Amino acid sequence: MSKLSTIGRHPGVLLVWRIVIGLVFIAASMDKIAHPDQFVEVIMGYKIVPWTTAMVIGIWLPWVELVVGTIILIGIWVRAGALLLSGLTVIFIGALSSALLRNIDIQCGCFSVSELTQARSVSSLWQEMVLLLGCIWLWWGHWPAVAGQRQQIPDTQDSRTTEV
C-alpha cells in the first residue's frame, strides 16, 4: 500500500472525516426539518423539478440527511452512508451548476431556508467539492481489505476455510 493509502485509512483520519461529514449533514438538516414549507420554496427556486416532486424532496431529504449524518457520526454503516451522501452531493452540485449556468440567483437552502442567506456563486461549488471529497474518502477508507489480505473464517461444515 502507498503511504497516502495508509494515512488515508488511518483510524484517526477516518474519525475526523466521520465527525466533520456527520455534523455537516446533521446541521444541514435542522432548519429544513423545522421549516419544510420554506425548504420546498428553495427547491422550487432551482426551477428543475415540479411542485409535487419538490414537496416530496422537501419532506424526505432533511430526514435522510439527519439519519445518515447520525449513522456516519456514530460509525455504523459508514460505507453505505458515505455512498448515499456522495450521491446526494453530486445531485446538489448538478442542480447548483444548472442554476448558475442559467443565471438564476439561488439561495442554497443548505443550512438555512431563510431568504436572508447569501446567494450561491461559482465559488460555492468548491465547498461542495470538498464535501464530496470527504464523503468519497469515507467510502474509500472503509473499503474491505484487499482481496489477497481477506480475513479467513473457518467453515463450520468442514475443516476448510472460507474467504469473506
N, C-alpha and C. Protein backbone atom coordinates (compact mmCIF):
# COMPACT_ATOMS: atom_id res chain seq x y z
N MET A 1 0.84 -1.19 0.00
CA MET A 1 0.00 0.00 0.00
C MET A 1 0.88 1.24 0.00
N SER A 2 0.43 2.27 -0.69
CA SER A 2 1.18 3.51 -0.71
C SER A 2 1.04 4.23 0.62
N LYS A 3 1.92 5.19 0.85
CA LYS A 3 1.88 5.96 2.09
C LYS A 3 0.57 6.73 2.22
N LEU A 4 0.10 7.33 1.11
CA LEU A 4 -1.17 8.06 1.13
C LEU A 4 -2.32 7.13 1.49
N SER A 5 -2.30 5.94 0.91
CA SER A 5 -3.34 4.96 1.20
C SER A 5 -3.34 4.58 2.67
N THR A 6 -2.15 4.41 3.23
CA THR A 6 -2.03 4.05 4.65
C THR A 6 -2.52 5.19 5.53
N ILE A 7 -2.09 6.41 5.23
CA ILE A 7 -2.53 7.57 6.02
C ILE A 7 -4.03 7.78 5.86
N GLY A 8 -4.54 7.66 4.63
CA GLY A 8 -5.96 7.88 4.38
C GLY A 8 -6.86 6.90 5.09
N ARG A 9 -6.33 5.72 5.39
CA ARG A 9 -7.13 4.71 6.08
C ARG A 9 -6.84 4.67 7.58
N HIS A 10 -5.99 5.59 8.04
CA HIS A 10 -5.67 5.63 9.47
C HIS A 10 -6.96 5.91 10.24
N PRO A 11 -7.20 5.17 11.32
CA PRO A 11 -8.45 5.36 12.09
C PRO A 11 -8.67 6.80 12.55
N GLY A 12 -7.61 7.51 12.89
CA GLY A 12 -7.76 8.90 13.32
C GLY A 12 -8.24 9.80 12.20
N VAL A 13 -7.70 9.61 11.01
CA VAL A 13 -8.10 10.41 9.85
C VAL A 13 -9.57 10.12 9.51
N LEU A 14 -9.92 8.85 9.51
CA LEU A 14 -11.30 8.48 9.20
C LEU A 14 -12.27 9.00 10.26
N LEU A 15 -11.84 9.01 11.52
CA LEU A 15 -12.69 9.54 12.59
C LEU A 15 -12.95 11.03 12.38
N VAL A 16 -11.91 11.78 12.03
CA VAL A 16 -12.09 13.21 11.77
C VAL A 16 -13.08 13.42 10.62
N TRP A 17 -12.90 12.69 9.52
CA TRP A 17 -13.84 12.80 8.39
C TRP A 17 -15.25 12.42 8.81
N ARG A 18 -15.38 11.35 9.60
CA ARG A 18 -16.72 10.93 10.06
C ARG A 18 -17.38 12.03 10.87
N ILE A 19 -16.63 12.64 11.79
CA ILE A 19 -17.19 13.70 12.63
C ILE A 19 -17.58 14.90 11.78
N VAL A 20 -16.70 15.33 10.90
CA VAL A 20 -16.99 16.51 10.07
C VAL A 20 -18.19 16.27 9.17
N ILE A 21 -18.17 15.16 8.41
CA ILE A 21 -19.26 14.87 7.47
C ILE A 21 -20.57 14.66 8.23
N GLY A 22 -20.53 13.89 9.30
CA GLY A 22 -21.74 13.65 10.08
C GLY A 22 -22.35 14.93 10.61
N LEU A 23 -21.51 15.79 11.22
CA LEU A 23 -22.02 17.04 11.78
C LEU A 23 -22.51 18.00 10.71
N VAL A 24 -21.84 18.04 9.57
CA VAL A 24 -22.28 18.93 8.48
C VAL A 24 -23.69 18.54 8.03
N PHE A 25 -23.93 17.26 7.81
CA PHE A 25 -25.25 16.85 7.33
C PHE A 25 -26.31 16.94 8.42
N ILE A 26 -25.94 16.69 9.67
CA ILE A 26 -26.91 16.86 10.76
C ILE A 26 -27.30 18.33 10.87
N ALA A 27 -26.30 19.22 10.85
CA ALA A 27 -26.58 20.66 10.93
C ALA A 27 -27.40 21.12 9.73
N ALA A 28 -27.09 20.58 8.56
CA ALA A 28 -27.82 20.98 7.35
C ALA A 28 -29.30 20.58 7.42
N SER A 29 -29.60 19.54 8.15
CA SER A 29 -30.99 19.06 8.20
C SER A 29 -31.89 19.86 9.13
N MET A 30 -31.33 20.49 10.14
CA MET A 30 -32.13 21.06 11.23
C MET A 30 -33.14 22.12 10.78
N ASP A 31 -32.69 23.14 10.09
CA ASP A 31 -33.60 24.21 9.69
C ASP A 31 -34.61 23.72 8.65
N LYS A 32 -34.17 22.78 7.81
CA LYS A 32 -35.08 22.23 6.80
C LYS A 32 -36.19 21.40 7.45
N ILE A 33 -35.84 20.68 8.52
CA ILE A 33 -36.85 19.90 9.24
C ILE A 33 -37.82 20.85 9.94
N ALA A 34 -37.30 21.94 10.50
CA ALA A 34 -38.15 22.90 11.21
C ALA A 34 -39.06 23.70 10.28
N HIS A 35 -38.62 23.90 9.03
CA HIS A 35 -39.38 24.74 8.08
C HIS A 35 -39.47 24.06 6.72
N PRO A 36 -40.19 22.93 6.62
CA PRO A 36 -40.24 22.23 5.33
C PRO A 36 -40.90 23.04 4.23
N ASP A 37 -41.87 23.88 4.59
CA ASP A 37 -42.53 24.70 3.57
C ASP A 37 -41.55 25.67 2.91
N GLN A 38 -40.69 26.29 3.70
CA GLN A 38 -39.69 27.20 3.15
C GLN A 38 -38.64 26.44 2.34
N PHE A 39 -38.31 25.23 2.78
CA PHE A 39 -37.34 24.42 2.04
C PHE A 39 -37.90 24.04 0.66
N VAL A 40 -39.19 23.74 0.60
CA VAL A 40 -39.81 23.43 -0.69
C VAL A 40 -39.72 24.65 -1.61
N GLU A 41 -39.90 25.84 -1.08
CA GLU A 41 -39.77 27.06 -1.89
C GLU A 41 -38.34 27.21 -2.41
N VAL A 42 -37.35 26.88 -1.57
CA VAL A 42 -35.95 26.95 -2.02
C VAL A 42 -35.74 25.96 -3.17
N ILE A 43 -36.26 24.75 -3.03
CA ILE A 43 -36.12 23.74 -4.08
C ILE A 43 -36.76 24.23 -5.37
N MET A 44 -37.93 24.83 -5.25
CA MET A 44 -38.62 25.35 -6.44
C MET A 44 -37.80 26.46 -7.11
N GLY A 45 -37.00 27.18 -6.33
CA GLY A 45 -36.17 28.25 -6.88
C GLY A 45 -35.14 27.75 -7.89
N TYR A 46 -34.77 26.48 -7.82
CA TYR A 46 -33.81 25.92 -8.78
C TYR A 46 -34.45 25.69 -10.15
N LYS A 47 -35.78 25.67 -10.20
CA LYS A 47 -36.54 25.51 -11.45
C LYS A 47 -36.13 24.24 -12.22
N ILE A 48 -36.07 23.13 -11.47
CA ILE A 48 -35.68 21.85 -12.07
C ILE A 48 -36.80 20.82 -11.95
N VAL A 49 -37.47 20.80 -10.80
CA VAL A 49 -38.49 19.76 -10.56
C VAL A 49 -39.87 20.40 -10.37
N PRO A 50 -40.94 19.64 -10.66
CA PRO A 50 -42.29 20.17 -10.45
C PRO A 50 -42.61 20.25 -8.95
N TRP A 51 -43.67 20.96 -8.65
CA TRP A 51 -44.08 21.22 -7.27
C TRP A 51 -44.23 19.94 -6.45
N THR A 52 -44.89 18.93 -7.00
CA THR A 52 -45.12 17.70 -6.22
C THR A 52 -43.80 17.01 -5.89
N THR A 53 -42.87 17.01 -6.81
CA THR A 53 -41.55 16.41 -6.55
C THR A 53 -40.80 17.23 -5.51
N ALA A 54 -40.89 18.54 -5.60
CA ALA A 54 -40.24 19.42 -4.62
C ALA A 54 -40.80 19.17 -3.23
N MET A 55 -42.11 18.91 -3.14
CA MET A 55 -42.71 18.63 -1.83
C MET A 55 -42.17 17.33 -1.24
N VAL A 56 -42.05 16.31 -2.06
CA VAL A 56 -41.52 15.02 -1.58
C VAL A 56 -40.06 15.20 -1.14
N ILE A 57 -39.28 15.89 -1.96
CA ILE A 57 -37.87 16.14 -1.61
C ILE A 57 -37.79 16.97 -0.33
N GLY A 58 -38.62 18.00 -0.25
CA GLY A 58 -38.60 18.89 0.90
C GLY A 58 -38.95 18.22 2.21
N ILE A 59 -39.77 17.19 2.14
CA ILE A 59 -40.15 16.47 3.36
C ILE A 59 -39.14 15.37 3.70
N TRP A 60 -38.70 14.63 2.71
CA TRP A 60 -37.83 13.48 2.98
C TRP A 60 -36.34 13.80 3.08
N LEU A 61 -35.83 14.68 2.25
CA LEU A 61 -34.39 14.93 2.21
C LEU A 61 -33.79 15.34 3.56
N PRO A 62 -34.40 16.27 4.29
CA PRO A 62 -33.80 16.64 5.58
C PRO A 62 -33.70 15.46 6.55
N TRP A 63 -34.68 14.59 6.53
CA TRP A 63 -34.66 13.43 7.42
C TRP A 63 -33.59 12.43 6.98
N VAL A 64 -33.41 12.29 5.68
CA VAL A 64 -32.32 11.43 5.18
C VAL A 64 -30.98 12.00 5.62
N GLU A 65 -30.81 13.31 5.48
CA GLU A 65 -29.57 13.95 5.92
C GLU A 65 -29.33 13.73 7.41
N LEU A 66 -30.37 13.87 8.21
CA LEU A 66 -30.24 13.70 9.66
C LEU A 66 -29.87 12.26 10.02
N VAL A 67 -30.60 11.31 9.47
CA VAL A 67 -30.36 9.90 9.81
C VAL A 67 -28.99 9.43 9.31
N VAL A 68 -28.67 9.73 8.07
CA VAL A 68 -27.39 9.27 7.51
C VAL A 68 -26.22 10.01 8.16
N GLY A 69 -26.38 11.29 8.43
CA GLY A 69 -25.34 12.02 9.16
C GLY A 69 -25.10 11.42 10.53
N THR A 70 -26.17 11.01 11.20
CA THR A 70 -26.05 10.41 12.52
C THR A 70 -25.38 9.05 12.46
N ILE A 71 -25.75 8.21 11.49
CA ILE A 71 -25.12 6.88 11.44
C ILE A 71 -23.64 6.99 11.07
N ILE A 72 -23.29 7.97 10.26
CA ILE A 72 -21.87 8.17 9.96
C ILE A 72 -21.15 8.68 11.20
N LEU A 73 -21.75 9.58 11.92
CA LEU A 73 -21.14 10.14 13.12
C LEU A 73 -20.89 9.06 14.17
N ILE A 74 -21.85 8.15 14.35
CA ILE A 74 -21.66 7.10 15.37
C ILE A 74 -20.91 5.88 14.83
N GLY A 75 -20.69 5.84 13.51
CA GLY A 75 -19.80 4.82 12.95
C GLY A 75 -20.44 3.52 12.51
N ILE A 76 -21.74 3.53 12.22
CA ILE A 76 -22.35 2.31 11.69
C ILE A 76 -22.74 2.56 10.24
N TRP A 77 -22.62 1.52 9.43
CA TRP A 77 -22.95 1.60 8.00
C TRP A 77 -22.27 2.79 7.33
N VAL A 78 -21.02 3.02 7.68
CA VAL A 78 -20.30 4.20 7.19
C VAL A 78 -20.18 4.18 5.67
N ARG A 79 -19.81 3.05 5.09
CA ARG A 79 -19.64 2.99 3.62
C ARG A 79 -20.96 3.27 2.91
N ALA A 80 -22.03 2.66 3.37
CA ALA A 80 -23.33 2.87 2.73
C ALA A 80 -23.77 4.33 2.90
N GLY A 81 -23.59 4.87 4.09
CA GLY A 81 -23.95 6.26 4.34
C GLY A 81 -23.13 7.22 3.50
N ALA A 82 -21.83 6.96 3.42
CA ALA A 82 -20.95 7.82 2.63
C ALA A 82 -21.31 7.76 1.15
N LEU A 83 -21.67 6.58 0.68
CA LEU A 83 -22.08 6.44 -0.72
C LEU A 83 -23.37 7.22 -0.98
N LEU A 84 -24.33 7.11 -0.09
CA LEU A 84 -25.59 7.84 -0.24
C LEU A 84 -25.36 9.35 -0.20
N LEU A 85 -24.56 9.82 0.76
CA LEU A 85 -24.29 11.25 0.84
C LEU A 85 -23.48 11.75 -0.35
N SER A 86 -22.59 10.90 -0.89
CA SER A 86 -21.86 11.26 -2.11
C SER A 86 -22.84 11.48 -3.25
N GLY A 87 -23.79 10.57 -3.38
CA GLY A 87 -24.80 10.71 -4.43
C GLY A 87 -25.63 11.97 -4.26
N LEU A 88 -26.06 12.26 -3.04
CA LEU A 88 -26.84 13.47 -2.79
C LEU A 88 -26.02 14.72 -3.11
N THR A 89 -24.74 14.68 -2.75
CA THR A 89 -23.87 15.83 -3.01
C THR A 89 -23.66 16.04 -4.51
N VAL A 90 -23.49 14.94 -5.25
CA VAL A 90 -23.34 15.05 -6.70
C VAL A 90 -24.61 15.64 -7.32
N ILE A 91 -25.77 15.20 -6.85
CA ILE A 91 -27.04 15.74 -7.36
C ILE A 91 -27.13 17.24 -7.05
N PHE A 92 -26.74 17.62 -5.83
CA PHE A 92 -26.79 19.04 -5.48
C PHE A 92 -25.81 19.86 -6.32
N ILE A 93 -24.61 19.33 -6.54
CA ILE A 93 -23.63 20.03 -7.39
C ILE A 93 -24.21 20.23 -8.79
N GLY A 94 -24.89 19.21 -9.30
CA GLY A 94 -25.53 19.33 -10.61
C GLY A 94 -26.62 20.37 -10.62
N ALA A 95 -27.46 20.37 -9.58
CA ALA A 95 -28.56 21.36 -9.50
C ALA A 95 -28.01 22.77 -9.36
N LEU A 96 -26.99 22.93 -8.53
CA LEU A 96 -26.39 24.25 -8.34
C LEU A 96 -25.71 24.73 -9.63
N SER A 97 -24.99 23.84 -10.28
CA SER A 97 -24.34 24.19 -11.55
C SER A 97 -25.38 24.61 -12.59
N SER A 98 -26.47 23.87 -12.66
CA SER A 98 -27.54 24.19 -13.61
C SER A 98 -28.11 25.57 -13.33
N ALA A 99 -28.37 25.87 -12.07
CA ALA A 99 -28.92 27.18 -11.72
C ALA A 99 -27.93 28.29 -12.05
N LEU A 100 -26.66 28.07 -11.76
CA LEU A 100 -25.65 29.09 -12.04
C LEU A 100 -25.50 29.31 -13.54
N LEU A 101 -25.53 28.23 -14.31
CA LEU A 101 -25.42 28.36 -15.77
C LEU A 101 -26.60 29.09 -16.37
N ARG A 102 -27.76 28.99 -15.73
CA ARG A 102 -28.96 29.68 -16.21
C ARG A 102 -29.13 31.05 -15.58
N ASN A 103 -28.10 31.49 -14.84
CA ASN A 103 -28.09 32.81 -14.18
C ASN A 103 -29.26 33.00 -13.22
N ILE A 104 -29.61 31.94 -12.51
CA ILE A 104 -30.66 32.03 -11.50
C ILE A 104 -29.99 32.41 -10.19
N ASP A 105 -30.46 33.48 -9.58
CA ASP A 105 -29.95 33.92 -8.29
C ASP A 105 -30.56 32.98 -7.24
N ILE A 106 -29.78 32.01 -6.80
CA ILE A 106 -30.33 30.93 -5.99
C ILE A 106 -29.85 30.99 -4.54
N GLN A 107 -30.76 30.73 -3.64
CA GLN A 107 -30.40 30.53 -2.24
C GLN A 107 -30.19 29.03 -2.06
N CYS A 108 -29.14 28.67 -1.42
CA CYS A 108 -28.77 27.26 -1.30
C CYS A 108 -29.82 26.46 -0.54
N GLY A 109 -30.20 26.93 0.62
CA GLY A 109 -31.08 26.14 1.47
C GLY A 109 -30.32 25.07 2.22
N CYS A 110 -29.01 25.15 2.21
CA CYS A 110 -28.19 24.09 2.81
C CYS A 110 -28.30 24.07 4.33
N PHE A 111 -28.06 25.20 4.98
CA PHE A 111 -28.09 25.26 6.44
C PHE A 111 -29.21 26.14 6.96
N SER A 112 -29.78 26.95 6.10
CA SER A 112 -30.87 27.82 6.49
C SER A 112 -31.78 28.03 5.29
N VAL A 113 -33.07 27.98 5.52
CA VAL A 113 -34.02 28.20 4.44
C VAL A 113 -34.49 29.65 4.42
N SER A 114 -33.89 30.48 5.25
CA SER A 114 -34.24 31.90 5.31
C SER A 114 -33.89 32.59 4.00
N GLU A 115 -34.70 33.56 3.63
CA GLU A 115 -34.43 34.34 2.42
C GLU A 115 -33.24 35.27 2.62
N LEU A 116 -32.77 35.38 3.85
CA LEU A 116 -31.65 36.28 4.14
C LEU A 116 -30.30 35.63 3.89
N THR A 117 -30.28 34.33 3.56
CA THR A 117 -29.00 33.68 3.31
C THR A 117 -28.39 34.19 2.02
N GLN A 118 -27.08 34.14 1.97
CA GLN A 118 -26.34 34.65 0.81
C GLN A 118 -26.60 33.78 -0.42
N ALA A 119 -26.71 34.44 -1.56
CA ALA A 119 -26.90 33.71 -2.82
C ALA A 119 -25.65 32.89 -3.12
N ARG A 120 -25.84 31.75 -3.77
CA ARG A 120 -24.72 30.88 -4.12
C ARG A 120 -24.02 31.39 -5.37
N SER A 121 -22.72 31.09 -5.43
CA SER A 121 -21.93 31.52 -6.58
C SER A 121 -21.05 30.35 -7.03
N VAL A 122 -20.27 30.59 -8.06
CA VAL A 122 -19.38 29.55 -8.57
C VAL A 122 -18.42 29.09 -7.48
N SER A 123 -17.98 30.00 -6.62
CA SER A 123 -17.08 29.61 -5.53
C SER A 123 -17.75 28.62 -4.57
N SER A 124 -19.07 28.64 -4.52
CA SER A 124 -19.80 27.70 -3.67
C SER A 124 -19.59 26.26 -4.12
N LEU A 125 -19.34 26.09 -5.41
CA LEU A 125 -19.11 24.74 -5.93
C LEU A 125 -17.87 24.11 -5.29
N TRP A 126 -16.87 24.92 -4.98
CA TRP A 126 -15.67 24.38 -4.34
C TRP A 126 -15.99 23.82 -2.97
N GLN A 127 -16.85 24.48 -2.22
CA GLN A 127 -17.27 23.96 -0.91
C GLN A 127 -17.94 22.60 -1.07
N GLU A 128 -18.78 22.51 -2.06
CA GLU A 128 -19.48 21.25 -2.30
C GLU A 128 -18.51 20.15 -2.75
N MET A 129 -17.50 20.53 -3.50
CA MET A 129 -16.49 19.55 -3.94
C MET A 129 -15.71 19.01 -2.75
N VAL A 130 -15.40 19.87 -1.78
CA VAL A 130 -14.69 19.42 -0.58
C VAL A 130 -15.59 18.46 0.21
N LEU A 131 -16.85 18.78 0.30
CA LEU A 131 -17.80 17.89 0.97
C LEU A 131 -17.88 16.55 0.25
N LEU A 132 -17.93 16.58 -1.07
CA LEU A 132 -17.95 15.35 -1.86
C LEU A 132 -16.66 14.56 -1.64
N LEU A 133 -15.53 15.24 -1.62
CA LEU A 133 -14.25 14.57 -1.37
C LEU A 133 -14.27 13.86 -0.02
N GLY A 134 -14.80 14.53 1.00
CA GLY A 134 -14.90 13.91 2.32
C GLY A 134 -15.77 12.66 2.31
N CYS A 135 -16.89 12.72 1.62
CA CYS A 135 -17.78 11.56 1.53
C CYS A 135 -17.09 10.40 0.81
N ILE A 136 -16.41 10.72 -0.29
CA ILE A 136 -15.71 9.68 -1.05
C ILE A 136 -14.57 9.10 -0.21
N TRP A 137 -13.86 9.95 0.52
CA TRP A 137 -12.77 9.50 1.38
C TRP A 137 -13.30 8.51 2.43
N LEU A 138 -14.44 8.82 3.02
CA LEU A 138 -15.04 7.90 4.00
C LEU A 138 -15.40 6.57 3.35
N TRP A 139 -16.00 6.64 2.17
CA TRP A 139 -16.37 5.41 1.47
C TRP A 139 -15.14 4.58 1.17
N TRP A 140 -14.11 5.22 0.62
CA TRP A 140 -12.87 4.53 0.26
C TRP A 140 -12.12 4.04 1.51
N GLY A 141 -12.06 4.84 2.54
CA GLY A 141 -11.33 4.49 3.75
C GLY A 141 -11.90 3.31 4.50
N HIS A 142 -13.17 3.05 4.30
CA HIS A 142 -13.81 1.91 4.96
C HIS A 142 -13.98 0.72 4.03
N TRP A 143 -13.23 0.73 2.91
CA TRP A 143 -13.26 -0.38 1.95
C TRP A 143 -12.68 -1.61 2.62
N PRO A 144 -13.28 -2.79 2.40
CA PRO A 144 -12.72 -4.02 2.99
C PRO A 144 -11.29 -4.25 2.53
N ALA A 145 -10.60 -5.09 3.27
CA ALA A 145 -9.20 -5.37 2.96
C ALA A 145 -9.04 -5.83 1.51
N VAL A 146 -7.86 -5.61 0.96
CA VAL A 146 -7.54 -6.02 -0.40
C VAL A 146 -7.76 -7.53 -0.52
N ALA A 147 -8.19 -7.99 -1.69
CA ALA A 147 -8.57 -9.39 -1.90
C ALA A 147 -7.52 -10.37 -1.37
N GLY A 148 -6.24 -10.10 -1.57
CA GLY A 148 -5.20 -11.01 -1.11
C GLY A 148 -5.04 -11.02 0.39
N GLN A 149 -5.63 -10.06 1.08
CA GLN A 149 -5.50 -9.97 2.53
C GLN A 149 -6.82 -10.22 3.24
N ARG A 150 -7.73 -10.88 2.58
CA ARG A 150 -9.04 -11.12 3.18
C ARG A 150 -8.93 -11.98 4.42
N GLN A 151 -9.80 -11.72 5.35
CA GLN A 151 -9.84 -12.48 6.58
C GLN A 151 -10.35 -13.88 6.30
N GLN A 152 -9.73 -14.86 6.90
CA GLN A 152 -10.15 -16.25 6.74
C GLN A 152 -11.02 -16.66 7.93
N ILE A 153 -12.18 -17.23 7.63
CA ILE A 153 -13.08 -17.70 8.67
C ILE A 153 -13.24 -19.21 8.50
N PRO A 154 -13.11 -19.95 9.58
CA PRO A 154 -13.28 -21.39 9.44
C PRO A 154 -14.71 -21.73 9.03
N ASP A 155 -14.84 -22.68 8.12
CA ASP A 155 -16.15 -23.17 7.69
C ASP A 155 -16.58 -24.23 8.69
N THR A 156 -17.71 -24.03 9.33
CA THR A 156 -18.14 -24.94 10.38
C THR A 156 -18.62 -26.29 9.85
N GLN A 157 -18.94 -26.36 8.54
CA GLN A 157 -19.43 -27.62 7.99
C GLN A 157 -18.30 -28.59 7.70
N ASP A 158 -17.14 -28.08 7.38
CA ASP A 158 -15.98 -28.94 7.22
C ASP A 158 -14.74 -28.16 7.68
N SER A 159 -13.61 -28.70 7.57
CA SER A 159 -12.41 -28.10 8.15
C SER A 159 -11.74 -27.07 7.23
N ARG A 160 -12.29 -26.82 6.04
CA ARG A 160 -11.71 -25.84 5.15
C ARG A 160 -12.08 -24.42 5.61
N THR A 161 -11.36 -23.44 5.09
CA THR A 161 -11.68 -22.05 5.43
C THR A 161 -12.41 -21.39 4.27
N THR A 162 -13.17 -20.37 4.59
CA THR A 162 -13.96 -19.63 3.60
C THR A 162 -13.48 -18.19 3.61
N GLU A 163 -13.29 -17.59 2.42
CA GLU A 163 -12.94 -16.17 2.34
C GLU A 163 -14.17 -15.33 2.51
N VAL A 164 -14.00 -14.18 3.17
CA VAL A 164 -15.09 -13.21 3.30
C VAL A 164 -14.66 -11.91 2.73
